[in-house]
Amino acid sequence: PKPEWKQAADIENTIATSLDMATGLERAEMLANLEGRNIFDEHPIGPFGTVENPYIVESLFDERIVGCPCDGETEASRTETRAMNEVKWFTVHSGQECRCPACKQVFKLQKVAGEGYNF
């Protein structure tokens, strides 16, 4: 059988929109936004880490790279747009607490048992 395409009758005289051309996750995100939903988790995971209660980072290894969004916690991030949206990356090592250089959030690595990640 011949395939039947569901196209507009006057498709040659129209310009495709971003939604018309989007596929995959980009299209899912656009459709969710039209419904007023956000399909991506953009909020920090857990409470702000302090010296008394550091944020625990789990790892199979003795170190792990961590990204901290530092949203508006420093003077530079309140005045510079570039600093407001920049993730600060650093390495947390086993046995020592690590502070984010920008917002001073405290992270601590906790080793977990296992031989490898289960993706």
PDB file of N, CA and C in Angstrom:
ATOM      1  N   PRO A   1       0.827  -1.197   0.000  1.00  0.00           N
ATOM      2  CA  PRO A   1       0.000   0.000   0.000  1.00  0.00           C
ATOM      3  C   PRO A   1       0.867   1.255   0.000  1.00  0.00           C
ATOM      4  N   LYS A   2       0.347   2.299  -0.604  1.00  0.00           N
ATOM      5  CA  LYS A   2       1.051   3.582  -0.642  1.00  0.00           C
ATOM      6  C   LYS A   2       0.876   4.288   0.697  1.00  0.00           C
ATOM      7  N   PRO A   3       1.956   4.888   1.193  1.00  0.00           N
ATOM      8  CA  PRO A   3       1.819   5.631   2.452  1.00  0.00           C
ATOM      9  C   PRO A   3       1.008   6.899   2.249  1.00  0.00           C
ATOM     10  N   GLU A   4       0.239   7.252   3.257  1.00  0.00           N
ATOM     11  CA  GLU A   4      -0.542   8.481   3.202  1.00  0.00           C
ATOM     12  C   GLU A   4       0.071   9.464   4.185  1.00  0.00           C
ATOM     13  N   TRP A   5       0.513  10.602   3.668  1.00  0.00           N
ATOM     14  CA  TRP A   5       1.157  11.605   4.493  1.00  0.00           C
ATOM     15  C   TRP A   5       0.130  12.594   4.998  1.00  0.00           C
ATOM     16  N   LYS A   6       0.215  12.922   6.248  1.00  0.00           N
ATOM     17  CA  LYS A   6      -0.709  13.880   6.848  1.00  0.00           C
ATOM     18  C   LYS A   6      -0.069  15.265   6.796  1.00  0.00           C
ATOM     19  N   GLN A   7      -0.170  15.907   5.660  1.00  0.00           N
ATOM     20  CA  GLN A   7       0.390  17.229   5.483  1.00  0.00           C
ATOM     21  C   GLN A   7      -0.726  18.217   5.189  1.00  0.00           C
ATOM     22  N   ALA A   8      -0.450  19.449   5.503  1.00  0.00           N
ATOM     23  CA  ALA A   8      -1.411  20.498   5.193  1.00  0.00           C
ATOM     24  C   ALA A   8      -1.567  20.601   3.681  1.00  0.00           C
ATOM     25  N   ALA A   9      -2.756  20.982   3.240  1.00  0.00           N
ATOM     26  CA  ALA A   9      -3.031  21.055   1.807  1.00  0.00           C
ATOM     27  C   ALA A   9      -2.134  22.075   1.119  1.00  0.00           C
ATOM     28  N   ASP A  10      -1.810  23.181   1.796  1.00  0.00           N
ATOM     29  CA  ASP A  10      -1.034  24.257   1.178  1.00  0.00           C
ATOM     30  C   ASP A  10       0.364  24.339   1.804  1.00  0.00           C
ATOM     31  N   ILE A  11       1.027  23.186   1.935  1.00  0.00           N
ATOM     32  CA  ILE A  11       2.307  23.118   2.662  1.00  0.00           C
ATOM     33  C   ILE A  11       3.424  23.897   1.968  1.00  0.00           C
ATOM     34  N   GLU A  12       3.368  24.046   0.662  1.00  0.00           N
ATOM     35  CA  GLU A  12       4.430  24.741  -0.061  1.00  0.00           C
ATOM     36  C   GLU A  12       4.482  26.225   0.264  1.00  0.00           C
ATOM     37  N   ASN A  13       3.396  26.799   0.722  1.00  0.00           N
ATOM     38  CA  ASN A  13       3.328  28.233   0.973  1.00  0.00           C
ATOM     39  C   ASN A  13       3.399  28.585   2.455  1.00  0.00           C
ATOM     40  N   THR A  14       3.898  27.680   3.274  1.00  0.00           N
ATOM     41  CA  THR A  14       4.007  27.958   4.703  1.00  0.00           C
ATOM     42  C   THR A  14       5.456  27.834   5.144  1.00  0.00           C
ATOM     43  N   ILE A  15       5.771  28.540   6.219  1.00  0.00           N
ATOM     44  CA  ILE A  15       7.108  28.458   6.803  1.00  0.00           C
ATOM     45  C   ILE A  15       6.999  27.633   8.076  1.00  0.00           C
ATOM     46  N   ALA A  16       7.836  26.634   8.187  1.00  0.00           N
ATOM     47  CA  ALA A  16       7.795  25.759   9.357  1.00  0.00           C
ATOM     48  C   ALA A  16       8.231  26.510  10.612  1.00  0.00           C
ATOM     49  N   THR A  17       7.559  26.217  11.707  1.00  0.00           N
ATOM     50  CA  THR A  17       7.917  26.823  12.985  1.00  0.00           C
ATOM     51  C   THR A  17       8.958  25.952  13.687  1.00  0.00           C
ATOM     52  N   SER A  18       9.477  26.445  14.778  1.00  0.00           N
ATOM     53  CA  SER A  18      10.444  25.660  15.566  1.00  0.00           C
ATOM     54  C   SER A  18       9.803  24.369  16.056  1.00  0.00           C
ATOM     55  N   LEU A  19       8.539  24.441  16.449  1.00  0.00           N
ATOM     56  CA  LEU A  19       7.835  23.243  16.921  1.00  0.00           C
ATOM     57  C   LEU A  19       7.659  22.237  15.795  1.00  0.00           C
ATOM     58  N   ASP A  20       7.400  22.717  14.588  1.00  0.00           N
ATOM     59  CA  ASP A  20       7.251  21.814  13.439  1.00  0.00           C
ATOM     60  C   ASP A  20       8.541  21.046  13.163  1.00  0.00           C
ATOM     61  N   MET A  21       9.681  21.677  13.371  1.00  0.00           N
ATOM     62  CA  MET A  21      10.962  21.062  13.038  1.00  0.00           C
ATOM     63  C   MET A  21      11.600  20.302  14.200  1.00  0.00           C
ATOM     64  N   ALA A  22      11.123  20.517  15.419  1.00  0.00           N
ATOM     65  CA  ALA A  22      11.737  19.896  16.598  1.00  0.00           C
ATOM     66  C   ALA A  22      11.427  18.406  16.664  1.00  0.00           C
ATOM     67  N   THR A  23      12.405  17.647  17.171  1.00  0.00           N
ATOM     68  CA  THR A  23      12.220  16.207  17.380  1.00  0.00           C
ATOM     69  C   THR A  23      12.800  15.821  18.724  1.00  0.00           C
ATOM     70  N   GLY A  24      12.517  14.639  19.174  1.00  0.00           N
ATOM     71  CA  GLY A  24      13.111  14.085  20.386  1.00  0.00           C
ATOM     72  C   GLY A  24      12.844  14.907  21.629  1.00  0.00           C
ATOM     73  N   LEU A  25      13.895  15.074  22.464  1.00  0.00           N
ATOM     74  CA  LEU A  25      13.760  15.794  23.731  1.00  0.00           C
ATOM     75  C   LEU A  25      13.392  17.257  23.524  1.00  0.00           C
ATOM     76  N   GLU A  26      13.910  17.846  22.449  1.00  0.00           N
ATOM     77  CA  GLU A  26      13.585  19.244  22.180  1.00  0.00           C
ATOM     78  C   GLU A  26      12.083  19.408  21.966  1.00  0.00           C
ATOM     79  N   ARG A  27      11.465  18.511  21.203  1.00  0.00           N
ATOM     80  CA  ARG A  27      10.017  18.579  20.956  1.00  0.00           C
ATOM     81  C   ARG A  27       9.234  18.302  22.234  1.00  0.00           C
ATOM     82  N   ALA A  28       9.681  17.307  23.010  1.00  0.00           N
ATOM     83  CA  ALA A  28       9.004  16.993  24.279  1.00  0.00           C
ATOM     84  C   ALA A  28       9.036  18.193  25.212  1.00  0.00           C
ATOM     85  N   GLU A  29      10.178  18.887  25.256  1.00  0.00           N
ATOM     86  CA  GLU A  29      10.293  20.068  26.108  1.00  0.00           C
ATOM     87  C   GLU A  29       9.365  21.184  25.631  1.00  0.00           C
ATOM     88  N   MET A  30       9.298  21.391  24.326  1.00  0.00           N
ATOM     89  CA  MET A  30       8.421  22.435  23.782  1.00  0.00           C
ATOM     90  C   MET A  30       6.953  22.139  24.066  1.00  0.00           C
ATOM     91  N   LEU A  31       6.547  20.885  23.865  1.00  0.00           N
ATOM     92  CA  LEU A  31       5.149  20.520  24.114  1.00  0.00           C
ATOM     93  C   LEU A  31       4.802  20.652  25.594  1.00  0.00           C
ATOM     94  N   ALA A  32       5.727  20.271  26.470  1.00  0.00           N
ATOM     95  CA  ALA A  32       5.494  20.418  27.910  1.00  0.00           C
ATOM     96  C   ALA A  32       5.394  21.889  28.295  1.00  0.00           C
ATOM     97  N   ASN A  33       6.239  22.734  27.709  1.00  0.00           N
ATOM     98  CA  ASN A  33       6.185  24.175  27.993  1.00  0.00           C
ATOM     99  C   ASN A  33       4.858  24.777  27.567  1.00  0.00           C
ATOM    100  N   LEU A  34       4.295  24.288  26.461  1.00  0.00           N
ATOM    101  CA  LEU A  34       2.982  24.770  26.023  1.00  0.00           C
ATOM    102  C   LEU A  34       1.896  24.425  27.046  1.00  0.00           C
ATOM    103  N   GLU A  35       2.106  23.319  27.766  1.00  0.00           N
ATOM    104  CA  GLU A  35       1.161  22.900  28.808  1.00  0.00           C
ATOM    105  C   GLU A  35       1.499  23.511  30.167  1.00  0.00           C
ATOM    106  N   GLY A  36       2.574  24.316  30.226  1.00  0.00           N
ATOM    107  CA  GLY A  36       2.968  24.933  31.488  1.00  0.00           C
ATOM    108  C   GLY A  36       3.755  24.014  32.401  1.00  0.00           C
ATOM    109  N   ARG A  37       4.336  22.958  31.842  1.00  0.00           N
ATOM    110  CA  ARG A  37       5.125  22.017  32.633  1.00  0.00           C
ATOM    111  C   ARG A  37       6.597  22.118  32.249  1.00  0.00           C
ATOM    112  N   ASN A  38       7.470  21.676  33.168  1.00  0.00           N
ATOM    113  CA  ASN A  38       8.893  21.604  32.902  1.00  0.00           C
ATOM    114  C   ASN A  38       9.306  20.153  33.072  1.00  0.00           C
ATOM    115  N   ILE A  39       9.822  19.533  32.012  1.00  0.00           N
ATOM    116  CA  ILE A  39      10.164  18.112  32.103  1.00  0.00           C
ATOM    117  C   ILE A  39      11.556  17.878  32.688  1.00  0.00           C
ATOM    118  N   PHE A  40      12.336  18.953  32.851  1.00  0.00           N
ATOM    119  CA  PHE A  40      13.675  18.797  33.395  1.00  0.00           C
ATOM    120  C   PHE A  40      13.723  19.279  34.835  1.00  0.00           C
ATOM    121  N   ASP A  41      14.452  18.555  35.675  1.00  0.00           N
ATOM    122  CA  ASP A  41      14.613  18.917  37.079  1.00  0.00           C
ATOM    123  C   ASP A  41      15.728  19.950  37.173  1.00  0.00           C
ATOM    124  N   GLU A  42      15.374  21.205  37.408  1.00  0.00           N
ATOM    125  CA  GLU A  42      16.364  22.275  37.445  1.00  0.00           C
ATOM    126  C   GLU A  42      16.632  22.775  38.855  1.00  0.00           C
ATOM    127  N   HIS A  43      16.086  22.111  39.840  1.00  0.00           N
ATOM    128  CA  HIS A  43      16.271  22.551  41.217  1.00  0.00           C
ATOM    129  C   HIS A  43      17.441  21.805  41.851  1.00  0.00           C
ATOM    130  N   PRO A  44      18.107  22.435  42.792  1.00  0.00           N
ATOM    131  CA  PRO A  44      19.207  21.741  43.471  1.00  0.00           C
ATOM    132  C   PRO A  44      18.700  20.482  44.181  1.00  0.00           C
ATOM    133  N   ILE A  45      19.571  19.515  44.281  1.00  0.00           N
ATOM    134  CA  ILE A  45      19.213  18.273  44.957  1.00  0.00           C
ATOM    135  C   ILE A  45      19.648  18.396  46.409  1.00  0.00           C
ATOM    136  N   GLY A  46      18.704  18.420  47.311  1.00  0.00           N
ATOM    137  CA  GLY A  46      19.017  18.460  48.736  1.00  0.00           C
ATOM    138  C   GLY A  46      19.258  19.850  49.270  1.00  0.00           C
ATOM    139  N   PRO A  47      19.501  19.957  50.574  1.00  0.00           N
ATOM    140  CA  PRO A  47      19.706  21.255  51.221  1.00  0.00           C
ATOM    141  C   PRO A  47      21.112  21.815  50.969  1.00  0.00           C
ATOM    142  N   PHE A  48      21.290  23.084  51.267  1.00  0.00           N
ATOM    143  CA  PHE A  48      22.586  23.749  51.144  1.00  0.00           C
ATOM    144  C   PHE A  48      23.542  23.139  52.161  1.00  0.00           C
ATOM    145  N   GLY A  49      24.720  22.713  51.741  1.00  0.00           N
ATOM    146  CA  GLY A  49      25.691  22.080  52.633  1.00  0.00           C
ATOM    147  C   GLY A  49      26.397  23.084  53.526  1.00  0.00           C
ATOM    148  N   THR A  50      26.457  22.781  54.820  1.00  0.00           N
ATOM    149  CA  THR A  50      27.152  23.621  55.796  1.00  0.00           C
ATOM    150  C   THR A  50      28.244  22.801  56.468  1.00  0.00           C
ATOM    151  N   VAL A  51      29.075  23.449  57.291  1.00  0.00           N
ATOM    152  CA  VAL A  51      30.131  22.725  58.005  1.00  0.00           C
ATOM    153  C   VAL A  51      29.504  21.690  58.930  1.00  0.00           C
ATOM    154  N   GLU A  52      28.403  22.053  59.596  1.00  0.00           N
ATOM    155  CA  GLU A  52      27.730  21.137  60.515  1.00  0.00           C
ATOM    156  C   GLU A  52      26.989  20.023  59.780  1.00  0.00           C
ATOM    157  N   ASN A  53      26.492  20.323  58.597  1.00  0.00           N
ATOM    158  CA  ASN A  53      25.711  19.356  57.824  1.00  0.00           C
ATOM    159  C   ASN A  53      26.110  19.456  56.349  1.00  0.00           C
ATOM    160  N   PRO A  54      27.275  18.884  55.972  1.00  0.00           N
ATOM    161  CA  PRO A  54      27.732  19.006  54.581  1.00  0.00           C
ATOM    162  C   PRO A  54      26.856  18.211  53.626  1.00  0.00           C
ATOM    163  N   TYR A  55      26.836  18.636  52.375  1.00  0.00           N
ATOM    164  CA  TYR A  55      26.113  17.890  51.358  1.00  0.00           C
ATOM    165  C   TYR A  55      26.931  16.651  51.022  1.00  0.00           C
ATOM    166  N   ILE A  56      26.316  15.463  51.137  1.00  0.00           N
ATOM    167  CA  ILE A  56      27.021  14.201  50.911  1.00  0.00           C
ATOM    168  C   ILE A  56      26.996  13.850  49.420  1.00  0.00           C
ATOM    169  N   VAL A  57      28.190  13.639  48.869  1.00  0.00           N
ATOM    170  CA  VAL A  57      28.362  13.231  47.473  1.00  0.00           C
ATOM    171  C   VAL A  57      28.803  11.781  47.484  1.00  0.00           C
ATOM    172  N   GLU A  58      28.019  10.886  46.879  1.00  0.00           N
ATOM    173  CA  GLU A  58      28.367   9.464  46.863  1.00  0.00           C
ATOM    174  C   GLU A  58      29.247   9.141  45.660  1.00  0.00           C
ATOM    175  N   SER A  59      30.194   8.214  45.881  1.00  0.00           N
ATOM    176  CA  SER A  59      31.079   7.804  44.795  1.00  0.00           C
ATOM    177  C   SER A  59      31.656   6.428  45.073  1.00  0.00           C
ATOM    178  N   LEU A  60      31.945   5.702  44.014  1.00  0.00           N
ATOM    179  CA  LEU A  60      32.642   4.422  44.141  1.00  0.00           C
ATOM    180  C   LEU A  60      34.143   4.637  44.296  1.00  0.00           C
ATOM    181  N   PHE A  61      34.592   5.834  43.973  1.00  0.00           N
ATOM    182  CA  PHE A  61      36.017   6.129  43.934  1.00  0.00           C
ATOM    183  C   PHE A  61      36.405   7.125  45.029  1.00  0.00           C
ATOM    184  N   ASP A  62      37.708   7.446  45.115  1.00  0.00           N
ATOM    185  CA  ASP A  62      38.215   8.341  46.153  1.00  0.00           C
ATOM    186  C   ASP A  62      38.021   9.814  45.836  1.00  0.00           C
ATOM    187  N   GLU A  63      37.521  10.113  44.643  1.00  0.00           N
ATOM    188  CA  GLU A  63      37.253  11.500  44.292  1.00  0.00           C
ATOM    189  C   GLU A  63      36.108  11.556  43.294  1.00  0.00           C
ATOM    190  N   ARG A  64      35.477  12.736  43.220  1.00  0.00           N
ATOM    191  CA  ARG A  64      34.382  12.919  42.278  1.00  0.00           C
ATOM    192  C   ARG A  64      34.296  14.389  41.892  1.00  0.00           C
ATOM    193  N   ILE A  65      34.024  14.645  40.629  1.00  0.00           N
ATOM    194  CA  ILE A  65      33.853  16.012  40.159  1.00  0.00           C
ATOM    195  C   ILE A  65      32.425  16.444  40.453  1.00  0.00           C
ATOM    196  N   VAL A  66      32.288  17.645  41.025  1.00  0.00           N
ATOM    197  CA  VAL A  66      30.985  18.172  41.427  1.00  0.00           C
ATOM    198  C   VAL A  66      30.780  19.536  40.781  1.00  0.00           C
ATOM    199  N   GLY A  67      29.561  19.813  40.366  1.00  0.00           N
ATOM    200  CA  GLY A  67      29.208  21.124  39.818  1.00  0.00           C
ATOM    201  C   GLY A  67      28.242  21.825  40.753  1.00  0.00           C
ATOM    202  N   CYS A  68      28.525  23.062  41.095  1.00  0.00           N
ATOM    203  CA  CYS A  68      27.679  23.852  41.989  1.00  0.00           C
ATOM    204  C   CYS A  68      27.152  25.059  41.219  1.00  0.00           C
ATOM    205  N   PRO A  69      25.821  25.260  41.148  1.00  0.00           N
ATOM    206  CA  PRO A  69      25.287  26.365  40.364  1.00  0.00           C
ATOM    207  C   PRO A  69      25.480  27.740  40.993  1.00  0.00           C
ATOM    208  N   CYS A  70      25.689  27.827  42.305  1.00  0.00           N
ATOM    209  CA  CYS A  70      25.992  29.095  42.986  1.00  0.00           C
ATOM    210  C   CYS A  70      25.065  30.215  42.546  1.00  0.00           C
ATOM    211  N   ASP A  71      23.796  30.046  42.672  1.00  0.00           N
ATOM    212  CA  ASP A  71      22.814  31.001  42.153  1.00  0.00           C
ATOM    213  C   ASP A  71      22.687  32.243  43.027  1.00  0.00           C
ATOM    214  N   GLY A  72      23.380  33.309  42.651  1.00  0.00           N
ATOM    215  CA  GLY A  72      23.239  34.594  43.326  1.00  0.00           C
ATOM    216  C   GLY A  72      23.822  34.668  44.721  1.00  0.00           C
ATOM    217  N   GLU A  73      24.792  33.840  45.042  1.00  0.00           N
ATOM    218  CA  GLU A  73      25.336  33.807  46.395  1.00  0.00           C
ATOM    219  C   GLU A  73      26.529  34.729  46.604  1.00  0.00           C
ATOM    220  N   THR A  74      27.107  35.244  45.530  1.00  0.00           N
ATOM    221  CA  THR A  74      28.273  36.115  45.671  1.00  0.00           C
ATOM    222  C   THR A  74      27.990  37.477  45.064  1.00  0.00           C
ATOM    223  N   GLU A  75      28.817  38.457  45.405  1.00  0.00           N
ATOM    224  CA  GLU A  75      28.637  39.802  44.867  1.00  0.00           C
ATOM    225  C   GLU A  75      28.780  39.803  43.342  1.00  0.00           C
ATOM    226  N   ALA A  76      29.752  39.033  42.825  1.00  0.00           N
ATOM    227  CA  ALA A  76      29.955  38.983  41.374  1.00  0.00           C
ATOM    228  C   ALA A  76      28.732  38.410  40.670  1.00  0.00           C
ATOM    229  N   SER A  77      28.107  37.384  41.252  1.00  0.00           N
ATOM    230  CA  SER A  77      26.957  36.766  40.589  1.00  0.00           C
ATOM    231  C   SER A  77      25.710  37.641  40.662  1.00  0.00           C
ATOM    232  N   ARG A  78      25.706  38.654  41.530  1.00  0.00           N
ATOM    233  CA  ARG A  78      24.570  39.580  41.583  1.00  0.00           C
ATOM    234  C   ARG A  78      24.711  40.687  40.541  1.00  0.00           C
ATOM    235  N   THR A  79      25.935  40.923  40.074  1.00  0.00           N
ATOM    236  CA  THR A  79      26.158  42.044  39.158  1.00  0.00           C
ATOM    237  C   THR A  79      26.531  41.599  37.750  1.00  0.00           C
ATOM    238  N   GLU A  80      27.113  40.420  37.585  1.00  0.00           N
ATOM    239  CA  GLU A  80      27.547  39.959  36.278  1.00  0.00           C
ATOM    240  C   GLU A  80      26.650  38.836  35.782  1.00  0.00           C
ATOM    241  N   THR A  81      26.050  39.024  34.630  1.00  0.00           N
ATOM    242  CA  THR A  81      25.170  38.000  34.062  1.00  0.00           C
ATOM    243  C   THR A  81      25.930  36.701  33.834  1.00  0.00           C
ATOM    244  N   ARG A  82      27.184  36.808  33.364  1.00  0.00           N
ATOM    245  CA  ARG A  82      27.978  35.611  33.094  1.00  0.00           C
ATOM    246  C   ARG A  82      28.153  34.776  34.360  1.00  0.00           C
ATOM    247  N   ALA A  83      28.381  35.419  35.505  1.00  0.00           N
ATOM    248  CA  ALA A  83      28.587  34.695  36.760  1.00  0.00           C
ATOM    249  C   ALA A  83      27.286  34.100  37.294  1.00  0.00           C
ATOM    250  N   MET A  84      26.148  34.690  36.947  1.00  0.00           N
ATOM    251  CA  MET A  84      24.864  34.198  37.461  1.00  0.00           C
ATOM    252  C   MET A  84      24.531  32.818  36.921  1.00  0.00           C
ATOM    253  N   ASN A  85      24.942  32.510  35.711  1.00  0.00           N
ATOM    254  CA  ASN A  85      24.566  31.257  35.064  1.00  0.00           C
ATOM    255  C   ASN A  85      25.707  30.265  34.951  1.00  0.00           C
ATOM    256  N   GLU A  86      26.789  30.522  35.645  1.00  0.00           N
ATOM    257  CA  GLU A  86      27.982  29.692  35.505  1.00  0.00           C
ATOM    258  C   GLU A  86      28.049  28.634  36.602  1.00  0.00           C
ATOM    259  N   VAL A  87      28.214  27.392  36.207  1.00  0.00           N
ATOM    260  CA  VAL A  87      28.390  26.304  37.169  1.00  0.00           C
ATOM    261  C   VAL A  87      29.859  26.257  37.562  1.00  0.00           C
ATOM    262  N   LYS A  88      30.122  26.175  38.853  1.00  0.00           N
ATOM    263  CA  LYS A  88      31.498  26.076  39.358  1.00  0.00           C
ATOM    264  C   LYS A  88      31.829  24.589  39.499  1.00  0.00           C
ATOM    265  N   TRP A  89      32.896  24.138  38.852  1.00  0.00           N
ATOM    266  CA  TRP A  89      33.296  22.731  38.881  1.00  0.00           C
ATOM    267  C   TRP A  89      34.540  22.575  39.750  1.00  0.00           C
ATOM    268  N   PHE A  90      34.554  21.543  40.582  1.00  0.00           N
ATOM    269  CA  PHE A  90      35.706  21.248  41.423  1.00  0.00           C
ATOM    270  C   PHE A  90      35.665  19.778  41.811  1.00  0.00           C
ATOM    271  N   THR A  91      36.750  19.284  42.391  1.00  0.00           N
ATOM    272  CA  THR A  91      36.854  17.872  42.758  1.00  0.00           C
ATOM    273  C   THR A  91      36.746  17.715  44.261  1.00  0.00           C
ATOM    274  N   VAL A  92      35.877  16.788  44.684  1.00  0.00           N
ATOM    275  CA  VAL A  92      35.725  16.447  46.096  1.00  0.00           C
ATOM    276  C   VAL A  92      36.517  15.166  46.331  1.00  0.00           C
ATOM    277  N   HIS A  93      37.377  15.176  47.364  1.00  0.00           N
ATOM    278  CA  HIS A  93      38.222  14.011  47.676  1.00  0.00           C
ATOM    279  C   HIS A  93      37.720  13.306  48.928  1.00  0.00           C
ATOM    280  N   SER A  94      37.948  12.011  48.996  1.00  0.00           N
ATOM    281  CA  SER A  94      37.541  11.211  50.148  1.00  0.00           C
ATOM    282  C   SER A  94      38.294  11.648  51.397  1.00  0.00           C
ATOM    283  N   GLY A  95      37.596  11.732  52.512  1.00  0.00           N
ATOM    284  CA  GLY A  95      38.226  12.043  53.787  1.00  0.00           C
ATOM    285  C   GLY A  95      38.392  13.514  54.081  1.00  0.00           C
ATOM    286  N   GLN A  96      37.975  14.391  53.194  1.00  0.00           N
ATOM    287  CA  GLN A  96      38.100  15.823  53.451  1.00  0.00           C
ATOM    288  C   GLN A  96      36.878  16.573  52.906  1.00  0.00           C
ATOM    289  N   GLU A  97      36.492  17.579  53.641  1.00  0.00           N
ATOM    290  CA  GLU A  97      35.386  18.404  53.185  1.00  0.00           C
ATOM    291  C   GLU A  97      35.893  19.371  52.129  1.00  0.00           C
ATOM    292  N   CYS A  98      35.024  19.751  51.228  1.00  0.00           N
ATOM    293  CA  CYS A  98      35.387  20.662  50.156  1.00  0.00           C
ATOM    294  C   CYS A  98      34.352  21.779  50.094  1.00  0.00           C
ATOM    295  N   ARG A  99      34.827  23.020  49.973  1.00  0.00           N
ATOM    296  CA  ARG A  99      33.928  24.173  49.871  1.00  0.00           C
ATOM    297  C   ARG A  99      33.894  24.673  48.436  1.00  0.00           C
ATOM    298  N   CYS A 100      32.714  25.055  48.008  1.00  0.00           N
ATOM    299  CA  CYS A 100      32.582  25.707  46.707  1.00  0.00           C
ATOM    300  C   CYS A 100      33.303  27.050  46.809  1.00  0.00           C
ATOM    301  N   PRO A 101      34.169  27.373  45.852  1.00  0.00           N
ATOM    302  CA  PRO A 101      34.918  28.623  45.946  1.00  0.00           C
ATOM    303  C   PRO A 101      34.046  29.875  45.848  1.00  0.00           C
ATOM    304  N   ALA A 102      32.858  29.766  45.294  1.00  0.00           N
ATOM    305  CA  ALA A 102      32.014  30.953  45.114  1.00  0.00           C
ATOM    306  C   ALA A 102      31.000  31.136  46.240  1.00  0.00           C
ATOM    307  N   CYS A 103      30.219  30.096  46.555  1.00  0.00           N
ATOM    308  CA  CYS A 103      29.126  30.268  47.525  1.00  0.00           C
ATOM    309  C   CYS A 103      29.430  29.663  48.887  1.00  0.00           C
ATOM    310  N   LYS A 104      30.571  28.987  49.023  1.00  0.00           N
ATOM    311  CA  LYS A 104      31.040  28.397  50.288  1.00  0.00           C
ATOM    312  C   LYS A 104      30.192  27.212  50.766  1.00  0.00           C
ATOM    313  N   GLN A 105      29.396  26.618  49.867  1.00  0.00           N
ATOM    314  CA  GLN A 105      28.666  25.409  50.229  1.00  0.00           C
ATOM    315  C   GLN A 105      29.686  24.296  50.499  1.00  0.00           C
ATOM    316  N   VAL A 106      29.404  23.453  51.496  1.00  0.00           N
ATOM    317  CA  VAL A 106      30.343  22.407  51.911  1.00  0.00           C
ATOM    318  C   VAL A 106      29.883  21.053  51.380  1.00  0.00           C
ATOM    319  N   PHE A 107      30.809  20.324  50.760  1.00  0.00           N
ATOM    320  CA  PHE A 107      30.550  18.997  50.211  1.00  0.00           C
ATOM    321  C   PHE A 107      31.476  17.993  50.886  1.00  0.00           C
ATOM    322  N   LYS A 108      30.994  16.770  51.053  1.00  0.00           N
ATOM    323  CA  LYS A 108      31.814  15.705  51.636  1.00  0.00           C
ATOM    324  C   LYS A 108      31.550  14.428  50.848  1.00  0.00           C
ATOM    325  N   LEU A 109      32.626  13.737  50.460  1.00  0.00           N
ATOM    326  CA  LEU A 109      32.495  12.518  49.677  1.00  0.00           C
ATOM    327  C   LEU A 109      32.280  11.321  50.594  1.00  0.00           C
ATOM    328  N   GLN A 110      31.317  10.487  50.236  1.00  0.00           N
ATOM    329  CA  GLN A 110      31.057   9.249  50.965  1.00  0.00           C
ATOM    330  C   GLN A 110      31.193   8.101  49.974  1.00  0.00           C
ATOM    331  N   LYS A 111      32.130   7.209  50.240  1.00  0.00           N
ATOM    332  CA  LYS A 111      32.323   6.070  49.349  1.00  0.00           C
ATOM    333  C   LYS A 111      31.198   5.071  49.548  1.00  0.00           C
ATOM    334  N   VAL A 112      30.747   4.495  48.435  1.00  0.00           N
ATOM    335  CA  VAL A 112      29.702   3.472  48.472  1.00  0.00           C
ATOM    336  C   VAL A 112      30.287   2.182  47.918  1.00  0.00           C
ATOM    337  N   ALA A 113      29.727   1.054  48.340  1.00  0.00           N
ATOM    338  CA  ALA A 113      30.229  -0.247  47.905  1.00  0.00           C
ATOM    339  C   ALA A 113      29.800  -0.511  46.465  1.00  0.00           C
ATOM    340  N   GLY A 114      30.631  -1.248  45.768  1.00  0.00           N
ATOM    341  CA  GLY A 114      30.309  -1.637  44.396  1.00  0.00           C
ATOM    342  C   GLY A 114      31.566  -1.707  43.563  1.00  0.00           C
ATOM    343  N   GLU A 115      31.428  -2.378  42.416  1.00  0.00           N
ATOM    344  CA  GLU A 115      32.579  -2.533  41.530  1.00  0.00           C
ATOM    345  C   GLU A 115      32.481  -1.610  40.323  1.00  0.00           C
ATOM    346  N   GLY A 116      31.320  -1.107  40.025  1.00  0.00           N
ATOM    347  CA  GLY A 116      31.145  -0.225  38.887  1.00  0.00           C
ATOM    348  C   GLY A 116      29.756   0.355  38.892  1.00  0.00           C
ATOM    349  N   TYR A 117      29.560   1.352  38.070  1.00  0.00           N
ATOM    350  CA  TYR A 117      28.244   1.987  37.992  1.00  0.00           C
ATOM    351  C   TYR A 117      27.298   1.102  37.190  1.00  0.00           C
ATOM    352  N   ASN A 118      26.055   1.077  37.593  1.00  0.00           N
ATOM    353  CA  ASN A 118      25.038   0.308  36.897  1.00  0.00           C
ATOM    354  C   ASN A 118      24.184   1.294  36.094  1.00  0.00           C
ATOM    355  N   PHE A 119      24.564   1.487  34.832  1.00  0.00           N
ATOM    356  CA  PHE A 119      23.825   2.415  33.985  1.00  0.00           C
ATOM    357  C   PHE A 119      22.626   1.695  33.469  1.00  0.00           C
TER     358      PHE A 119
END
